[in-house]
Amino acid sequence: MQSWVSHRTKQEMYLLCNRRCLHFSIKEIYLMRNQHKLLIEQLGRKLGKTRQAVRRIETSEASGTISLKLLKEVGRALDLKLVYGFVPVNGTIEALIDQKAYDLARQIVLRTNQTMMLESQSTDREHIDRAIIELAGEIKQEMNRSLWE
């Protein structure tokens, strides 16, 4: 039996994973079964389950109520390994960290600038922007816990 991923490149798999990981209503088991040209009865035999039980599995997976244990079981029946993980909603993990560091730095710098304005010591916008970028770099290097608050 040909593997589902054998004809896909790593780039295609990354894009496919990102697209599917963001949509929990995807009927992955149904898609895998059809990709393998496996009848519902055949998958049932591999799992030791009835046709109706396989249909319930596909339905629970599509609704997001399936367990990881059952997903692994189905994966083994299809000669596949379940890969579980989280991906950023938008972009890469690197971009997410950059954005969070920038947002935190901006908050800190603007708060400091506000205090300085009250003391008539405020600085120009260019200086503030430079300070935000520098602080964001430091926060990113330290991977400050407050980055995730």
N, C-alpha and C. Protein backbone atom coordinates (compact mmCIF):
# COMPACT_ATOMS: atom_id res chain seq x y z
N MET A 1 0.84 -1.17 0.00
CA MET A 1 0.00 0.00 0.00
C MET A 1 0.89 1.24 0.00
N GLN A 2 0.62 2.17 -0.88
CA GLN A 2 1.40 3.40 -0.98
C GLN A 2 1.06 4.32 0.18
N SER A 3 2.09 4.90 0.76
CA SER A 3 1.89 5.83 1.86
C SER A 3 1.21 7.10 1.37
N TRP A 4 0.36 7.67 2.20
CA TRP A 4 -0.36 8.89 1.86
C TRP A 4 0.60 10.04 1.59
N VAL A 5 1.72 10.07 2.32
CA VAL A 5 2.63 11.19 2.20
C VAL A 5 3.75 10.96 1.20
N SER A 6 3.85 9.76 0.63
CA SER A 6 5.00 9.43 -0.21
C SER A 6 5.17 10.33 -1.42
N HIS A 7 4.09 10.85 -1.96
CA HIS A 7 4.19 11.67 -3.17
C HIS A 7 4.16 13.16 -2.87
N ARG A 8 4.22 13.55 -1.61
CA ARG A 8 4.19 14.96 -1.25
C ARG A 8 5.56 15.43 -0.78
N THR A 9 5.93 16.65 -1.12
CA THR A 9 7.18 17.22 -0.66
C THR A 9 7.00 17.75 0.76
N LYS A 10 8.11 18.03 1.43
CA LYS A 10 8.03 18.59 2.78
C LYS A 10 7.30 19.92 2.76
N GLN A 11 7.55 20.74 1.75
CA GLN A 11 6.87 22.04 1.62
C GLN A 11 5.36 21.84 1.50
N GLU A 12 4.94 20.89 0.66
CA GLU A 12 3.51 20.62 0.50
C GLU A 12 2.90 20.14 1.82
N MET A 13 3.64 19.28 2.53
CA MET A 13 3.13 18.75 3.80
C MET A 13 3.01 19.87 4.82
N TYR A 14 3.99 20.80 4.86
CA TYR A 14 3.92 21.92 5.79
C TYR A 14 2.69 22.77 5.50
N LEU A 15 2.48 23.10 4.23
CA LEU A 15 1.32 23.90 3.85
C LEU A 15 0.02 23.16 4.14
N LEU A 16 0.01 21.87 3.84
CA LEU A 16 -1.17 21.05 4.07
C LEU A 16 -1.48 21.00 5.57
N CYS A 17 -0.44 20.78 6.37
CA CYS A 17 -0.63 20.71 7.82
C CYS A 17 -1.15 22.04 8.35
N ASN A 18 -0.55 23.13 7.92
CA ASN A 18 -1.01 24.43 8.40
C ASN A 18 -2.46 24.67 8.03
N ARG A 19 -2.84 24.32 6.80
CA ARG A 19 -4.22 24.55 6.37
C ARG A 19 -5.16 23.66 7.17
N ARG A 20 -4.83 22.41 7.33
CA ARG A 20 -5.74 21.48 8.01
C ARG A 20 -5.74 21.67 9.52
N CYS A 21 -4.60 22.01 10.11
CA CYS A 21 -4.54 22.20 11.56
C CYS A 21 -5.41 23.35 12.02
N LEU A 22 -5.67 24.28 11.14
CA LEU A 22 -6.46 25.44 11.52
C LEU A 22 -7.95 25.20 11.36
N HIS A 23 -8.34 24.11 10.74
CA HIS A 23 -9.75 23.83 10.49
C HIS A 23 -10.10 22.48 11.12
N PHE A 24 -10.71 22.52 12.29
CA PHE A 24 -10.98 21.29 13.02
C PHE A 24 -12.14 20.50 12.45
N SER A 25 -12.87 21.04 11.49
CA SER A 25 -13.99 20.31 10.92
C SER A 25 -13.57 19.43 9.73
N ILE A 26 -12.29 19.45 9.37
CA ILE A 26 -11.80 18.62 8.28
C ILE A 26 -12.03 17.15 8.63
N LYS A 27 -12.51 16.41 7.69
CA LYS A 27 -12.75 14.98 7.90
C LYS A 27 -11.51 14.22 7.47
N GLU A 28 -10.49 14.27 8.32
CA GLU A 28 -9.19 13.68 8.00
C GLU A 28 -9.26 12.16 7.83
N ILE A 29 -9.95 11.48 8.70
CA ILE A 29 -10.04 10.02 8.59
C ILE A 29 -10.74 9.64 7.29
N TYR A 30 -11.81 10.33 6.99
CA TYR A 30 -12.53 10.09 5.74
C TYR A 30 -11.61 10.33 4.55
N LEU A 31 -10.86 11.45 4.58
CA LEU A 31 -9.93 11.76 3.49
C LEU A 31 -8.83 10.71 3.36
N MET A 32 -8.29 10.28 4.49
CA MET A 32 -7.24 9.24 4.47
C MET A 32 -7.79 7.93 3.91
N ARG A 33 -8.96 7.58 4.35
CA ARG A 33 -9.57 6.33 3.88
C ARG A 33 -9.76 6.38 2.37
N ASN A 34 -10.25 7.51 1.87
CA ASN A 34 -10.44 7.64 0.43
C ASN A 34 -9.11 7.72 -0.32
N GLN A 35 -8.12 8.38 0.27
CA GLN A 35 -6.78 8.45 -0.35
C GLN A 35 -6.20 7.06 -0.51
N HIS A 36 -6.43 6.20 0.47
CA HIS A 36 -5.96 4.82 0.42
C HIS A 36 -6.89 3.91 -0.39
N LYS A 37 -7.99 4.50 -0.89
CA LYS A 37 -9.01 3.73 -1.62
C LYS A 37 -9.50 2.56 -0.78
N LEU A 38 -9.75 2.87 0.48
CA LEU A 38 -10.16 1.88 1.47
C LEU A 38 -11.65 2.04 1.73
N LEU A 39 -12.40 0.97 1.54
CA LEU A 39 -13.83 1.01 1.84
C LEU A 39 -14.03 1.09 3.35
N ILE A 40 -15.16 1.62 3.76
CA ILE A 40 -15.45 1.75 5.18
C ILE A 40 -15.44 0.37 5.87
N GLU A 41 -15.90 -0.66 5.14
CA GLU A 41 -15.90 -2.02 5.69
C GLU A 41 -14.47 -2.53 5.88
N GLN A 42 -13.58 -2.18 4.94
CA GLN A 42 -12.19 -2.61 5.04
C GLN A 42 -11.51 -1.97 6.25
N LEU A 43 -11.73 -0.67 6.46
CA LEU A 43 -11.16 0.00 7.62
C LEU A 43 -11.75 -0.61 8.89
N GLY A 44 -13.03 -0.91 8.86
CA GLY A 44 -13.67 -1.55 10.01
C GLY A 44 -13.00 -2.87 10.37
N ARG A 45 -12.69 -3.68 9.35
CA ARG A 45 -12.02 -4.96 9.60
C ARG A 45 -10.63 -4.74 10.19
N LYS A 46 -9.90 -3.75 9.68
CA LYS A 46 -8.55 -3.46 10.19
C LYS A 46 -8.61 -2.99 11.64
N LEU A 47 -9.70 -2.29 12.00
CA LEU A 47 -9.85 -1.78 13.36
C LEU A 47 -10.58 -2.76 14.27
N GLY A 48 -11.17 -3.79 13.69
CA GLY A 48 -11.98 -4.72 14.48
C GLY A 48 -13.28 -4.08 14.91
N LYS A 49 -13.84 -3.24 14.02
CA LYS A 49 -15.07 -2.50 14.34
C LYS A 49 -16.07 -2.66 13.21
N THR A 50 -17.32 -2.39 13.53
CA THR A 50 -18.37 -2.49 12.51
C THR A 50 -18.34 -1.26 11.61
N ARG A 51 -19.08 -1.36 10.51
CA ARG A 51 -19.21 -0.24 9.56
C ARG A 51 -19.78 0.99 10.28
N GLN A 52 -20.77 0.76 11.13
CA GLN A 52 -21.40 1.85 11.86
C GLN A 52 -20.41 2.49 12.85
N ALA A 53 -19.57 1.67 13.46
CA ALA A 53 -18.57 2.20 14.41
C ALA A 53 -17.56 3.09 13.68
N VAL A 54 -17.17 2.68 12.48
CA VAL A 54 -16.24 3.49 11.68
C VAL A 54 -16.90 4.81 11.30
N ARG A 55 -18.16 4.75 10.93
CA ARG A 55 -18.89 5.98 10.59
C ARG A 55 -18.94 6.91 11.80
N ARG A 56 -19.17 6.34 13.01
CA ARG A 56 -19.19 7.16 14.24
C ARG A 56 -17.81 7.77 14.50
N ILE A 57 -16.76 7.00 14.23
CA ILE A 57 -15.39 7.51 14.40
C ILE A 57 -15.17 8.71 13.47
N GLU A 58 -15.56 8.56 12.21
CA GLU A 58 -15.39 9.65 11.25
C GLU A 58 -16.22 10.87 11.67
N THR A 59 -17.40 10.64 12.18
CA THR A 59 -18.27 11.74 12.62
C THR A 59 -17.68 12.44 13.84
N SER A 60 -17.19 11.65 14.81
CA SER A 60 -16.62 12.27 16.02
C SER A 60 -15.34 13.02 15.69
N GLU A 61 -14.58 12.53 14.72
CA GLU A 61 -13.37 13.24 14.32
C GLU A 61 -13.73 14.57 13.66
N ALA A 62 -14.74 14.54 12.81
CA ALA A 62 -15.16 15.77 12.11
C ALA A 62 -15.74 16.80 13.09
N SER A 63 -16.36 16.34 14.17
CA SER A 63 -16.95 17.27 15.14
C SER A 63 -15.96 17.69 16.22
N GLY A 64 -14.78 17.08 16.23
CA GLY A 64 -13.75 17.46 17.20
C GLY A 64 -13.86 16.76 18.54
N THR A 65 -14.64 15.68 18.62
CA THR A 65 -14.82 14.99 19.90
C THR A 65 -14.05 13.67 19.98
N ILE A 66 -13.27 13.35 18.96
CA ILE A 66 -12.52 12.10 18.94
C ILE A 66 -11.33 12.18 19.90
N SER A 67 -10.94 11.05 20.47
CA SER A 67 -9.80 11.03 21.39
C SER A 67 -8.50 10.81 20.60
N LEU A 68 -7.40 11.23 21.19
CA LEU A 68 -6.10 11.00 20.56
C LEU A 68 -5.81 9.51 20.46
N LYS A 69 -6.25 8.76 21.47
CA LYS A 69 -6.03 7.31 21.47
C LYS A 69 -6.69 6.68 20.25
N LEU A 70 -7.91 7.07 19.96
CA LEU A 70 -8.63 6.52 18.82
C LEU A 70 -7.99 6.98 17.50
N LEU A 71 -7.54 8.23 17.45
CA LEU A 71 -6.85 8.71 16.24
C LEU A 71 -5.58 7.89 15.97
N LYS A 72 -4.84 7.58 17.04
CA LYS A 72 -3.63 6.75 16.88
C LYS A 72 -4.00 5.36 16.36
N GLU A 73 -5.07 4.81 16.89
CA GLU A 73 -5.54 3.49 16.47
C GLU A 73 -5.88 3.49 14.97
N VAL A 74 -6.60 4.49 14.54
CA VAL A 74 -6.95 4.61 13.12
C VAL A 74 -5.69 4.78 12.29
N GLY A 75 -4.77 5.61 12.76
CA GLY A 75 -3.50 5.82 12.07
C GLY A 75 -2.74 4.52 11.87
N ARG A 76 -2.66 3.72 12.93
CA ARG A 76 -1.97 2.42 12.82
C ARG A 76 -2.65 1.53 11.79
N ALA A 77 -3.97 1.55 11.76
CA ALA A 77 -4.71 0.73 10.79
C ALA A 77 -4.41 1.18 9.36
N LEU A 78 -4.08 2.46 9.17
CA LEU A 78 -3.77 2.99 7.84
C LEU A 78 -2.27 3.05 7.58
N ASP A 79 -1.48 2.44 8.48
CA ASP A 79 -0.01 2.47 8.39
C ASP A 79 0.51 3.90 8.44
N LEU A 80 -0.10 4.71 9.28
CA LEU A 80 0.29 6.10 9.45
C LEU A 80 0.57 6.37 10.92
N LYS A 81 1.39 7.37 11.17
CA LYS A 81 1.70 7.79 12.53
C LYS A 81 0.99 9.11 12.79
N LEU A 82 0.30 9.22 13.92
CA LEU A 82 -0.36 10.46 14.29
C LEU A 82 0.68 11.47 14.73
N VAL A 83 0.63 12.66 14.16
CA VAL A 83 1.50 13.76 14.55
C VAL A 83 0.61 14.84 15.12
N TYR A 84 0.87 15.22 16.36
CA TYR A 84 0.01 16.16 17.08
C TYR A 84 0.84 17.38 17.45
N GLY A 85 0.30 18.56 17.26
CA GLY A 85 1.05 19.75 17.62
C GLY A 85 0.23 21.01 17.45
N PHE A 86 0.83 22.11 17.80
CA PHE A 86 0.21 23.41 17.67
C PHE A 86 0.99 24.23 16.65
N VAL A 87 0.28 25.00 15.86
CA VAL A 87 0.91 25.91 14.91
C VAL A 87 0.31 27.29 15.12
N PRO A 88 1.09 28.33 14.87
CA PRO A 88 0.55 29.69 15.03
C PRO A 88 -0.64 29.91 14.09
N VAL A 89 -1.58 30.70 14.54
CA VAL A 89 -2.75 31.00 13.73
C VAL A 89 -2.33 31.71 12.45
N ASN A 90 -1.39 32.65 12.58
CA ASN A 90 -0.90 33.39 11.41
C ASN A 90 0.62 33.31 11.38
N GLY A 91 1.18 32.88 10.27
CA GLY A 91 2.62 32.90 10.09
C GLY A 91 3.35 31.80 10.82
N THR A 92 4.60 32.10 11.19
CA THR A 92 5.48 31.12 11.83
C THR A 92 5.60 31.39 13.32
N ILE A 93 6.19 30.47 14.05
CA ILE A 93 6.41 30.66 15.48
C ILE A 93 7.39 31.81 15.69
N GLU A 94 8.36 31.94 14.78
CA GLU A 94 9.32 33.05 14.86
C GLU A 94 8.60 34.40 14.74
N ALA A 95 7.68 34.50 13.79
CA ALA A 95 6.92 35.75 13.61
C ALA A 95 6.05 36.02 14.83
N LEU A 96 5.48 34.98 15.42
CA LEU A 96 4.66 35.13 16.62
C LEU A 96 5.49 35.69 17.78
N ILE A 97 6.67 35.14 17.99
CA ILE A 97 7.55 35.61 19.05
C ILE A 97 8.00 37.04 18.79
N ASP A 98 8.35 37.34 17.54
CA ASP A 98 8.74 38.71 17.17
C ASP A 98 7.61 39.69 17.51
N GLN A 99 6.39 39.35 17.14
CA GLN A 99 5.26 40.24 17.38
C GLN A 99 4.99 40.43 18.87
N LYS A 100 5.04 39.34 19.62
CA LYS A 100 4.81 39.43 21.07
C LYS A 100 5.90 40.26 21.75
N ALA A 101 7.16 40.08 21.33
CA ALA A 101 8.27 40.85 21.90
C ALA A 101 8.10 42.33 21.56
N TYR A 102 7.72 42.62 20.32
CA TYR A 102 7.51 44.00 19.90
C TYR A 102 6.37 44.65 20.70
N ASP A 103 5.26 43.92 20.84
CA ASP A 103 4.10 44.46 21.57
C ASP A 103 4.46 44.76 23.03
N LEU A 104 5.19 43.85 23.67
CA LEU A 104 5.58 44.05 25.06
C LEU A 104 6.56 45.22 25.17
N ALA A 105 7.52 45.29 24.27
CA ALA A 105 8.49 46.40 24.28
C ALA A 105 7.78 47.73 24.07
N ARG A 106 6.86 47.76 23.16
CA ARG A 106 6.11 48.99 22.87
C ARG A 106 5.35 49.46 24.11
N GLN A 107 4.72 48.52 24.77
CA GLN A 107 3.97 48.84 26.00
C GLN A 107 4.89 49.44 27.05
N ILE A 108 6.06 48.85 27.23
CA ILE A 108 7.01 49.31 28.25
C ILE A 108 7.55 50.69 27.88
N VAL A 109 7.99 50.84 26.62
CA VAL A 109 8.58 52.11 26.19
C VAL A 109 7.55 53.24 26.24
N LEU A 110 6.34 52.99 25.78
CA LEU A 110 5.32 54.04 25.79
C LEU A 110 4.91 54.43 27.21
N ARG A 111 4.90 53.46 28.10
CA ARG A 111 4.59 53.76 29.51
C ARG A 111 5.70 54.63 30.10
N THR A 112 6.93 54.29 29.79
CA THR A 112 8.07 55.09 30.26
C THR A 112 8.02 56.49 29.66
N ASN A 113 7.70 56.58 28.37
CA ASN A 113 7.61 57.87 27.71
C ASN A 113 6.49 58.73 28.32
N GLN A 114 5.40 58.09 28.69
CA GLN A 114 4.28 58.81 29.33
C GLN A 114 4.75 59.45 30.64
N THR A 115 5.50 58.68 31.40
CA THR A 115 6.03 59.20 32.67
C THR A 115 6.97 60.37 32.40
N MET A 116 7.80 60.21 31.36
CA MET A 116 8.74 61.28 31.02
C MET A 116 8.01 62.53 30.53
N MET A 117 6.90 62.35 29.82
CA MET A 117 6.12 63.50 29.35
C MET A 117 5.55 64.27 30.54
N LEU A 118 5.13 63.56 31.56
CA LEU A 118 4.59 64.22 32.75
C LEU A 118 5.67 65.06 33.44
N GLU A 119 6.92 64.65 33.26
CA GLU A 119 8.04 65.38 33.85
C GLU A 119 8.69 66.31 32.83
N SER A 120 8.00 66.52 31.69
CA SER A 120 8.49 67.38 30.60
C SER A 120 9.83 66.91 30.06
N GLN A 121 10.00 65.59 29.94
CA GLN A 121 11.25 65.02 29.43
C GLN A 121 10.99 64.06 28.28
N SER A 122 9.89 64.21 27.57
CA SER A 122 9.55 63.26 26.51
C SER A 122 10.54 63.35 25.35
N THR A 123 10.60 62.28 24.56
CA THR A 123 11.52 62.21 23.43
C THR A 123 10.74 62.16 22.13
N ASP A 124 11.45 62.31 21.01
CA ASP A 124 10.78 62.31 19.70
C ASP A 124 10.40 60.89 19.28
N ARG A 125 9.54 60.80 18.29
CA ARG A 125 8.99 59.52 17.81
C ARG A 125 10.07 58.57 17.31
N GLU A 126 11.06 59.09 16.61
CA GLU A 126 12.15 58.27 16.06
C GLU A 126 12.91 57.58 17.19
N HIS A 127 13.17 58.33 18.26
CA HIS A 127 13.88 57.77 19.41
C HIS A 127 13.03 56.69 20.08
N ILE A 128 11.75 56.93 20.18
CA ILE A 128 10.84 55.95 20.78
C ILE A 128 10.81 54.67 19.95
N ASP A 129 10.68 54.80 18.63
CA ASP A 129 10.65 53.63 17.74
C ASP A 129 11.93 52.81 17.86
N ARG A 130 13.06 53.51 17.92
CA ARG A 130 14.36 52.82 18.04
C ARG A 130 14.43 52.08 19.38
N ALA A 131 13.95 52.72 20.44
CA ALA A 131 13.95 52.09 21.77
C ALA A 131 13.06 50.85 21.79
N ILE A 132 11.92 50.91 21.12
CA ILE A 132 11.01 49.76 21.06
C ILE A 132 11.70 48.59 20.36
N ILE A 133 12.33 48.85 19.24
CA ILE A 133 13.00 47.78 18.48
C ILE A 133 14.15 47.17 19.29
N GLU A 134 14.93 48.01 19.95
CA GLU A 134 16.04 47.50 20.77
C GLU A 134 15.53 46.65 21.93
N LEU A 135 14.51 47.15 22.62
CA LEU A 135 13.96 46.42 23.76
C LEU A 135 13.32 45.11 23.30
N ALA A 136 12.65 45.14 22.17
CA ALA A 136 12.04 43.91 21.63
C ALA A 136 13.10 42.86 21.38
N GLY A 137 14.25 43.28 20.84
CA GLY A 137 15.37 42.35 20.62
C GLY A 137 15.86 41.74 21.92
N GLU A 138 15.97 42.57 22.97
CA GLU A 138 16.41 42.07 24.27
C GLU A 138 15.39 41.10 24.86
N ILE A 139 14.13 41.45 24.77
CA ILE A 139 13.07 40.58 25.30
C ILE A 139 13.09 39.24 24.58
N LYS A 140 13.26 39.28 23.27
CA LYS A 140 13.29 38.05 22.47
C LYS A 140 14.49 37.19 22.86
N GLN A 141 15.63 37.81 23.09
CA GLN A 141 16.83 37.06 23.50
C GLN A 141 16.62 36.36 24.83
N GLU A 142 15.96 37.06 25.76
CA GLU A 142 15.74 36.51 27.10
C GLU A 142 14.57 35.55 27.15
N MET A 143 13.70 35.60 26.13
CA MET A 143 12.46 34.83 26.11
C MET A 143 11.72 35.01 27.44
N ASN A 144 11.51 36.25 27.76
CA ASN A 144 10.84 36.67 28.97
C ASN A 144 9.47 36.00 29.11
N ARG A 145 9.16 35.50 30.30
CA ARG A 145 7.86 34.85 30.54
C ARG A 145 6.69 35.78 30.28
N SER A 146 6.90 37.05 30.53
CA SER A 146 5.81 38.01 30.35
C SER A 146 5.44 38.15 28.87
N LEU A 147 6.23 37.58 28.01
CA LEU A 147 5.94 37.60 26.57
C LEU A 147 4.60 36.93 26.27
N TRP A 148 4.20 35.98 27.10
CA TRP A 148 2.98 35.20 26.84
C TRP A 148 1.77 35.68 27.63
N GLU A 149 1.91 36.77 28.34
CA GLU A 149 0.78 37.30 29.12
C GLU A 149 -0.11 38.15 28.28
